[in-house]
């Protein structure tokens, strides 16, 4: 695509801001966009978490905030497995919704809605809005995902990318089929390659084997179910294809540093 086909920076930024303003009116929640592309897609007032609850926590917990949702932080490592968005709790115990923005397979930013308060118990801050129910959060996640896809389109100059990159195809297939077994043969069919060639492509693009990436995504989603549902650890292990609870617990502790039950207690306890 030639430079003339791309919209200028100010026009692009204006479109992103209008999109976020509309979503803020609809949701009644603060929005921000962490832009890693260097294109300045979000105006400064939209580029960080500026709500009163966030400022209150940052006064004493800025390092924890940056480690969690700053560039290259914990959330960035999680969010690549949740292309359709992710409902989570930040270190302050606030509920937020995040959706990744990719450009040709590279994570270029994260769109956020929140903070808000979900679930039972007292509020960690008096100015947090109480969400109606879990279904509302899922609707919010869906809307943010649509917005992220539109920002991706604008990010790439409005082009209609009819041939998604192999990186995106692989990540999308894993995400869409994570509740089932994901095999090299399946990915190979999607890419039109042999299984042996696919193994090399996956390792080159993702920096790890397909088995390692699938397990990491499964564990990321399992962590969400631990905090958002009342399913037992055994039920969650079965849902994501682990042979038994012991195998799941060992794998989970290897990735998160604590057991599934300890993770559930820690994250629910901070809500």
Protein backbone atom coordinates (compact mmCIF):
# COMPACT_ATOMS: atom_id res chain seq x y z
CA UNK A 1 0.00 0.00 0.00
CA UNK A 2 1.39 3.43 -0.97
CA UNK A 3 1.79 6.27 1.55
CA UNK A 4 -1.07 8.12 -0.12
CA UNK A 5 -3.40 5.27 0.74
CA UNK A 6 -2.73 5.75 4.44
CA UNK A 7 -4.62 8.26 6.50
CA UNK A 8 -2.52 10.93 8.22
CA UNK A 9 -1.71 10.65 11.91
CA UNK A 10 -4.08 13.38 13.15
CA UNK A 11 -7.01 11.90 11.23
CA UNK A 12 -6.19 8.44 12.51
CA UNK A 13 -5.92 9.64 16.09
CA UNK A 14 -9.23 11.48 15.73
CA UNK A 15 -10.99 8.32 14.58
CA UNK A 16 -9.63 6.31 17.49
CA UNK A 17 -10.63 9.00 19.99
CA UNK A 18 -14.17 9.21 18.58
CA UNK A 19 -14.45 5.45 18.81
CA UNK A 20 -13.37 5.49 22.44
CA UNK A 21 -15.65 8.40 23.32
CA UNK A 22 -18.64 6.51 21.92
CA UNK A 23 -17.74 3.37 23.88
CA UNK A 24 -17.29 5.38 27.08
CA UNK A 25 -20.78 6.85 26.71
CA UNK A 26 -22.29 3.43 26.05
CA UNK A 27 -20.49 1.58 28.84
CA UNK A 28 -20.23 4.33 31.42
CA UNK A 29 -16.64 3.23 32.12
CA UNK A 30 -13.27 4.92 31.64
CA UNK A 31 -11.36 3.77 28.55
CA UNK A 32 -7.71 3.96 27.62
CA UNK A 33 -5.42 2.59 24.94
CA UNK A 34 -1.81 1.53 25.51
CA UNK A 35 -0.23 2.13 22.11
CA UNK A 36 3.04 0.25 21.52
CA UNK A 37 3.32 1.14 17.83
CA UNK A 38 4.83 4.60 18.26
CA UNK A 39 2.17 6.04 15.95
CA UNK A 40 0.40 7.95 18.72
CA UNK A 41 -3.01 6.48 17.94
CA UNK A 42 -4.39 7.65 21.28
CA UNK A 43 -4.23 11.24 22.49
CA UNK A 44 -2.33 11.62 25.80
CA UNK A 45 -5.52 11.85 27.86
CA UNK A 46 -6.58 8.45 26.50
CA UNK A 47 -3.24 6.69 26.83
CA UNK A 48 -3.23 5.83 30.54
CA UNK A 49 -5.54 4.82 33.36
CA UNK A 50 -6.66 8.20 34.73
CA UNK A 51 -9.66 7.37 36.92
CA UNK A 52 -9.69 8.37 40.59
CA UNK A 53 -9.45 4.74 41.79
CA UNK A 54 -6.40 4.15 39.56
CA UNK A 55 -4.66 7.32 40.71
CA UNK A 56 -5.37 6.40 44.32
CA UNK A 57 -3.69 3.01 43.94
CA UNK A 58 -0.78 4.34 41.88
CA UNK A 59 0.29 6.61 44.72
CA UNK A 60 1.55 3.54 46.56
CA UNK A 61 1.47 0.76 43.97
CA UNK A 62 2.85 2.24 40.75
CA UNK A 63 5.49 -0.48 40.39
CA UNK A 64 2.86 -3.19 40.64
CA UNK A 65 0.72 -1.42 38.03
CA UNK A 66 3.61 -1.12 35.58
CA UNK A 67 4.70 -4.73 36.14
CA UNK A 68 1.17 -5.92 35.42
CA UNK A 69 -0.16 -3.77 32.57
CA UNK A 70 2.85 -1.80 31.33
CA UNK A 71 4.49 -2.63 28.00
CA UNK A 72 5.88 -6.15 28.18
CA UNK A 73 4.20 -6.76 31.54
CA UNK A 74 2.22 -9.71 32.81
CA UNK A 75 -0.98 -8.71 31.00
CA UNK A 76 0.78 -8.45 27.64
CA UNK A 77 2.00 -12.03 28.01
CA UNK A 78 -1.52 -13.16 28.86
CA UNK A 79 -3.51 -11.13 26.37
CA UNK A 80 -2.03 -12.65 23.21
CA UNK A 81 -4.02 -15.79 24.01
CA UNK A 82 -7.28 -13.84 24.32
CA UNK A 83 -7.82 -12.16 20.96
CA UNK A 84 -11.51 -11.71 21.79
CA UNK A 85 -10.75 -9.84 25.01
CA UNK A 86 -10.07 -10.66 28.63
CA UNK A 87 -11.89 -9.79 31.88
CA UNK A 88 -9.42 -9.60 34.74
CA UNK A 89 -8.50 -8.07 38.07
CA UNK A 90 -5.60 -5.64 38.22
CA UNK A 91 -3.20 -5.53 41.21
CA UNK A 92 -5.49 -2.99 42.90
CA UNK A 93 -8.31 -5.55 42.95
CA UNK A 94 -10.31 -3.58 40.36
CA UNK A 95 -12.11 -5.38 37.54
CA UNK A 96 -11.03 -4.34 34.04
CA UNK A 97 -11.65 -5.53 30.51
CA UNK A 98 -8.81 -5.64 27.99
CA UNK A 99 -8.61 -6.44 24.28
CA UNK A 100 -5.38 -6.80 22.27
CA UNK A 101 -4.68 -4.93 19.04
CA UNK A 102 -2.47 -6.71 16.53
CA UNK A 103 -0.86 -5.57 13.30
CA UNK A 104 0.33 -8.33 10.99
CA UNK A 105 0.78 -10.69 13.92
CA UNK A 106 2.52 -8.25 16.26
CA UNK A 107 0.92 -6.95 19.45
CA UNK A 108 0.69 -3.19 18.86
CA UNK A 109 -1.47 -2.14 21.79
CA UNK A 110 -4.06 -3.03 24.41
CA UNK A 111 -7.49 -1.42 24.76
CA UNK A 112 -8.92 -1.16 28.28
CA UNK A 113 -12.33 -0.48 29.82
CA UNK A 114 -12.62 0.08 33.55
CA UNK A 115 -11.96 0.00 36.38
CA UNK A 116 -15.22 -1.22 37.84
CA UNK A 117 -16.44 -3.49 40.62
CA UNK A 118 -17.79 -6.99 40.02
CA UNK A 119 -18.83 -9.80 42.31
CA UNK A 120 -19.68 -9.89 45.98
CA UNK A 121 -17.99 -8.09 48.82
CA UNK A 122 -17.10 -4.52 49.57
CA UNK A 123 -15.68 -2.08 47.06
CA UNK A 124 -11.91 -1.45 47.11
CA UNK A 125 -12.68 2.20 46.21
CA UNK A 126 -15.88 4.26 46.67
CA UNK A 127 -15.81 5.65 43.10
CA UNK A 128 -15.85 2.25 41.37
CA UNK A 129 -18.96 1.60 39.30
CA UNK A 130 -20.76 -1.66 40.17
CA UNK A 131 -21.43 -3.76 37.08
CA UNK A 132 -24.90 -5.35 36.80
CA UNK A 133 -23.79 -8.97 36.33
CA UNK A 134 -21.34 -11.29 34.60
CA UNK A 135 -23.33 -11.17 31.35
CA UNK A 136 -22.81 -7.41 31.22
CA UNK A 137 -19.06 -7.89 31.54
CA UNK A 138 -19.12 -10.38 28.67
CA UNK A 139 -21.06 -7.87 26.53
CA UNK A 140 -18.44 -5.27 27.39
CA UNK A 141 -15.67 -7.68 26.42
CA UNK A 142 -17.38 -8.35 23.08
CA UNK A 143 -17.72 -4.63 22.35
CA UNK A 144 -14.08 -4.00 23.21
CA UNK A 145 -13.05 -6.84 20.91
CA UNK A 146 -14.96 -5.26 18.01
CA UNK A 147 -13.30 -1.92 18.78
CA UNK A 148 -9.87 -3.59 18.81
CA UNK A 149 -10.49 -5.05 15.35
CA UNK A 150 -11.48 -1.60 14.07
CA UNK A 151 -8.33 -0.05 15.55
CA UNK A 152 -6.34 -2.81 13.84
CA UNK A 153 -7.93 -1.82 10.53
CA UNK A 154 -7.15 1.85 11.12
CA UNK A 155 -3.67 0.96 12.33
CA UNK A 156 -2.94 -0.67 8.99
CA UNK A 157 -4.19 2.38 7.12
CA UNK A 158 -7.70 1.11 6.58
CA UNK A 159 -6.51 -1.71 4.40
CA UNK A 160 -8.58 -4.84 4.03
CA UNK A 161 -6.05 -7.53 4.75
CA UNK A 162 -7.53 -10.47 2.88
CA UNK A 163 -4.46 -12.58 3.53
CA UNK A 164 -3.84 -12.65 7.29
CA UNK A 165 -0.28 -13.41 8.37
CA UNK A 166 0.67 -16.93 9.36
CA UNK A 167 1.28 -15.65 12.89
CA UNK A 168 -2.30 -14.38 13.16
CA UNK A 169 -3.73 -17.53 11.60
CA UNK A 170 -1.91 -19.70 14.12
CA UNK A 171 -2.93 -17.60 17.13
CA UNK A 172 -6.53 -17.33 15.95
CA UNK A 173 -6.82 -21.08 15.40
CA UNK A 174 -5.37 -21.86 18.83
CA UNK A 175 -7.72 -19.39 20.53
CA UNK A 176 -10.80 -20.64 18.67
CA UNK A 177 -10.08 -24.31 19.39
CA UNK A 178 -8.47 -24.14 22.81
CA UNK A 179 -11.26 -26.19 24.44
CA UNK A 180 -10.28 -29.08 22.15
CA UNK A 181 -7.01 -30.74 21.19
CA UNK A 182 -4.98 -28.53 18.84
CA UNK A 183 -2.56 -30.52 16.69
CA UNK A 184 0.17 -29.75 14.18
CA UNK A 185 -1.88 -31.56 11.55
CA UNK A 186 -4.77 -29.13 12.06
CA UNK A 187 -2.51 -26.08 11.91
CA UNK A 188 -0.78 -27.54 8.84
CA UNK A 189 -4.12 -27.76 7.02
CA UNK A 190 -4.86 -24.13 7.91
CA UNK A 191 -1.49 -23.00 6.57
CA UNK A 192 -1.37 -25.36 3.59
CA UNK A 193 1.95 -26.82 4.74
CA UNK A 194 3.27 -30.21 5.78
CA UNK A 195 3.23 -31.00 9.52
CA UNK A 196 7.04 -31.01 9.68
CA UNK A 197 7.27 -27.62 7.95
CA UNK A 198 4.48 -26.31 10.19
CA UNK A 199 6.45 -27.28 13.30
CA UNK A 200 9.37 -25.14 12.10
CA UNK A 201 7.09 -22.22 11.18
CA UNK A 202 5.34 -22.28 14.57
CA UNK A 203 8.65 -22.35 16.45
CA UNK A 204 10.01 -19.52 14.34
CA UNK A 205 6.94 -17.27 14.66
CA UNK A 206 5.95 -17.97 18.26
CA UNK A 207 9.34 -18.67 19.77
CA UNK A 208 8.13 -21.96 21.24
CA UNK A 209 6.63 -25.25 20.13
CA UNK A 210 2.93 -25.61 19.43
CA UNK A 211 2.52 -27.85 22.48
CA UNK A 212 4.09 -25.24 24.76
CA UNK A 213 1.97 -22.40 23.34
CA UNK A 214 -1.26 -24.41 23.56
CA UNK A 215 -0.54 -25.37 27.16
CA UNK A 216 0.24 -21.75 28.06
CA UNK A 217 -3.02 -20.51 26.52
CA UNK A 218 -4.99 -23.28 28.24
CA UNK A 219 -3.48 -22.34 31.61
CA UNK A 220 -4.18 -18.65 31.02
CA UNK A 221 -7.83 -19.42 30.34
CA UNK A 222 -7.94 -21.80 33.28
CA UNK A 223 -6.75 -18.95 35.52
CA UNK A 224 -9.73 -16.92 34.34
CA UNK A 225 -12.14 -19.75 35.22
CA UNK A 226 -10.57 -20.06 38.66
CA UNK A 227 -11.48 -16.47 39.52
CA UNK A 228 -14.69 -16.09 37.49
CA UNK A 229 -16.46 -19.39 38.20
CA UNK A 230 -17.22 -21.77 41.06
CA UNK A 231 -16.02 -24.81 39.11
CA UNK A 232 -13.75 -27.14 41.05
CA UNK A 233 -10.09 -27.45 40.16
CA UNK A 234 -10.78 -30.96 38.86
CA UNK A 235 -13.58 -29.66 36.61
CA UNK A 236 -11.37 -26.91 35.21
CA UNK A 237 -8.53 -29.39 34.65
CA UNK A 238 -10.89 -31.66 32.70
CA UNK A 239 -12.31 -28.74 30.69
CA UNK A 240 -8.88 -27.83 29.37
CA UNK A 241 -7.77 -31.35 28.57
CA UNK A 242 -5.47 -32.23 31.47
CA UNK A 243 -5.37 -35.93 32.31
CA UNK A 244 -5.95 -35.36 36.02
CA UNK A 245 -5.98 -32.68 38.71
CA UNK A 246 -2.42 -33.46 39.79
CA UNK A 247 -1.06 -32.92 36.26
CA UNK A 248 -3.01 -29.66 35.98
CA UNK A 249 -1.82 -28.41 39.38
CA UNK A 250 1.81 -29.15 38.51
CA UNK A 251 1.55 -27.35 35.15
CA UNK A 252 -0.33 -24.40 36.65
CA UNK A 253 2.23 -23.92 39.43
CA UNK A 254 5.00 -24.08 36.85
CA UNK A 255 3.48 -21.16 34.94
CA UNK A 256 2.05 -18.99 37.74
CA UNK A 257 4.28 -19.91 40.66
CA UNK A 258 1.38 -20.94 42.92
CA UNK A 259 -1.22 -23.71 43.00
CA UNK A 260 -4.67 -23.25 41.40
CA UNK A 261 -6.36 -23.06 44.81
CA UNK A 262 -3.86 -20.48 46.05
CA UNK A 263 -4.38 -18.46 42.84
CA UNK A 264 -8.16 -18.53 43.31
CA UNK A 265 -7.87 -17.45 46.95
CA UNK A 266 -5.41 -14.67 46.14
CA UNK A 267 -7.40 -13.11 43.30
CA UNK A 268 -10.84 -13.53 44.83
CA UNK A 269 -9.57 -12.27 48.14
CA UNK A 270 -8.46 -9.00 46.57
CA UNK A 271 -11.86 -8.38 44.93
